[in-house]
Amino acid sequence: MPIVGTGIDVAEVVRVRAALSDSKTGARFKARVFTTAEQQYCEGRGAGRYQSYAARFAAKEAAMKALGYGWGRHVGWLDIEVVRESDGRPTIRLYGKGAATAAAAGVTRVHVALTHTRDIAVAQVVIENDGV
C-alpha cells in the first residue's frame, strides 16, 4: 500500500489544559475542536483527561499535515475524530471536508499512533491508498 502522506505533531499538555480551563473561551475551544465522543472519552479519563485531550489535539494536527493541508478550507477540527477501536487501539475517522479531501487523494487507510507523558503528547499519522 503506497503511503500518500505522513504527519506528526507535539502538544504541550499545560497549553491544552489552559485553553480548556479558560473561563471565557474554554467551552468554546472544547466544542470547536473536539467531537462530543472525544469529549466524553477524555472526561472519562479523570486526572488524565488533559493528556488525552492533548493527544487528540496533536492527532488532529498530524492528520491535517498528512492530508497536506492545515485547518481551513479543506479540513476542519471536527472533520477529524480520534476514536478507540474495540481492541483499544486509536484510529481516525474523517467526516465532511476531511473525508472529501481524503477521498480526492485516494486515501483508503489512516493509521495513528499516540503517546503522552504528564507534560507532552505526540501523535503520528500515516495515510495510505491502494495504489489504484
Protein backbone atom coordinates (compact mmCIF):
# COMPACT_ATOMS: atom_id res chain seq x y z
CA MET A 1 0.00 0.00 0.00
CA PRO A 2 1.55 3.29 -1.04
CA ILE A 3 1.93 5.92 1.66
CA VAL A 4 0.48 9.18 0.40
CA GLY A 5 1.08 11.30 3.46
CA THR A 6 2.55 11.46 6.93
CA GLY A 7 2.17 13.94 9.73
CA ILE A 8 3.47 14.35 13.25
CA ASP A 9 2.64 16.83 15.96
CA VAL A 10 3.54 17.56 19.58
CA ALA A 11 1.16 19.26 22.01
CA GLU A 12 2.05 20.64 25.41
CA VAL A 13 -0.45 19.37 27.97
CA VAL A 14 -0.24 22.58 30.01
CA ARG A 15 -1.25 24.69 26.99
CA VAL A 16 -4.20 22.45 26.10
CA ARG A 17 -5.26 22.43 29.76
CA ALA A 18 -5.09 26.23 29.88
CA ALA A 19 -7.17 26.54 26.70
CA LEU A 20 -9.82 24.16 28.06
CA SER A 21 -9.87 25.73 31.52
CA ASP A 22 -10.14 29.37 30.46
CA SER A 23 -13.37 30.69 31.95
CA LYS A 24 -14.15 32.88 28.94
CA THR A 25 -13.16 30.69 25.97
CA GLY A 26 -12.63 27.15 27.30
CA ALA A 27 -16.08 25.80 26.49
CA ARG A 28 -15.96 27.31 23.01
CA PHE A 29 -12.49 25.84 22.37
CA LYS A 30 -13.65 22.40 23.50
CA ALA A 31 -16.77 22.48 21.29
CA ARG A 32 -14.86 23.86 18.29
CA VAL A 33 -12.00 21.33 18.39
CA PHE A 34 -13.32 18.11 19.95
CA THR A 35 -16.32 16.00 18.96
CA THR A 36 -18.87 15.01 21.59
CA ALA A 37 -17.47 11.45 21.62
CA GLU A 38 -13.92 12.74 22.12
CA GLN A 39 -15.07 14.96 24.97
CA GLN A 40 -16.86 12.05 26.64
CA TYR A 41 -13.79 9.83 26.31
CA CYS A 42 -11.40 12.46 27.66
CA GLU A 43 -13.64 13.48 30.54
CA GLY A 44 -13.94 9.81 31.47
CA ARG A 45 -10.15 9.65 31.89
CA GLY A 46 -10.35 11.56 35.19
CA ALA A 47 -6.99 13.00 36.20
CA GLY A 48 -5.51 12.05 32.81
CA ARG A 49 -8.10 13.92 30.78
CA TYR A 50 -5.80 16.76 29.77
CA GLN A 51 -3.21 14.33 28.41
CA SER A 52 -5.98 12.65 26.39
CA TYR A 53 -7.21 15.99 25.05
CA ALA A 54 -3.62 16.97 24.15
CA ALA A 55 -3.04 13.65 22.36
CA ARG A 56 -6.21 14.14 20.32
CA PHE A 57 -5.28 17.72 19.51
CA ALA A 58 -1.87 16.51 18.28
CA ALA A 59 -3.54 13.73 16.26
CA LYS A 60 -5.83 16.20 14.52
CA GLU A 61 -2.86 18.43 13.64
CA ALA A 62 -0.88 15.41 12.43
CA ALA A 63 -3.82 14.24 10.29
CA MET A 64 -4.10 17.67 8.68
CA LYS A 65 -0.40 17.55 7.85
CA ALA A 66 -0.72 14.03 6.44
CA LEU A 67 -3.56 15.21 4.22
CA GLY A 68 -1.35 18.08 3.04
CA TYR A 69 -3.48 20.87 4.47
CA GLY A 70 -3.77 22.84 7.64
CA TRP A 71 -7.03 23.75 9.27
CA GLY A 72 -9.31 25.66 6.92
CA ARG A 73 -10.98 25.21 3.59
CA HIS A 74 -10.01 21.54 3.14
CA VAL A 75 -10.40 20.18 6.66
CA GLY A 76 -11.75 21.38 9.99
CA TRP A 77 -11.21 20.29 13.57
CA LEU A 78 -14.50 18.40 13.81
CA ASP A 79 -13.86 16.66 10.47
CA ILE A 80 -11.24 14.54 12.27
CA GLU A 81 -12.22 12.32 15.18
CA VAL A 82 -9.91 10.14 17.25
CA VAL A 83 -11.72 7.01 18.42
CA ARG A 84 -10.67 3.81 20.13
CA GLU A 85 -11.29 0.51 18.41
CA SER A 86 -12.79 -2.37 20.40
CA ASP A 87 -9.26 -3.75 20.89
CA GLY A 88 -8.17 -0.43 22.45
CA ARG A 89 -6.02 0.98 19.65
CA PRO A 90 -6.70 4.51 18.48
CA THR A 91 -7.87 5.25 14.98
CA ILE A 92 -9.02 8.27 12.98
CA ARG A 93 -12.42 8.79 11.42
CA LEU A 94 -12.86 11.52 8.83
CA TYR A 95 -16.09 13.42 8.20
CA GLY A 96 -17.27 16.27 5.99
CA LYS A 97 -14.48 18.25 4.32
CA GLY A 98 -11.85 15.92 5.78
CA ALA A 99 -13.49 12.86 4.25
CA ALA A 100 -13.89 14.63 0.90
CA THR A 101 -10.24 15.73 0.89
CA ALA A 102 -9.12 12.19 1.76
CA ALA A 103 -11.34 10.68 -0.94
CA ALA A 104 -9.94 13.08 -3.56
CA ALA A 105 -6.43 11.89 -2.61
CA GLY A 106 -7.50 8.25 -2.85
CA VAL A 107 -6.94 7.63 0.86
CA THR A 108 -8.08 4.16 1.90
CA ARG A 109 -6.43 3.81 5.32
CA VAL A 110 -5.43 6.13 8.12
CA HIS A 111 -3.06 4.98 10.87
CA VAL A 112 -2.44 6.90 14.08
CA ALA A 113 -0.03 6.43 16.96
CA LEU A 114 -0.48 8.41 20.18
CA THR A 115 1.75 8.75 23.21
CA HIS A 116 1.93 11.15 26.10
CA THR A 117 3.62 11.93 29.36
CA ARG A 118 2.35 14.25 32.05
CA ASP A 119 3.77 17.19 30.06
CA ILE A 120 3.61 16.43 26.33
CA ALA A 121 1.55 14.46 23.85
CA VAL A 122 2.77 13.23 20.46
CA ALA A 123 0.79 11.88 17.53
CA GLN A 124 1.88 10.46 14.21
CA VAL A 125 -0.49 9.84 11.31
CA VAL A 126 0.21 7.86 8.14
CA ILE A 127 -2.27 7.73 5.28
CA GLU A 128 -2.27 5.15 2.51
CA ASN A 129 -4.09 4.40 -0.69
CA ASP A 130 -4.42 1.15 -2.61
CA GLY A 131 -2.24 2.45 -5.44
CA VAL A 132 -5.11 2.40 -7.87
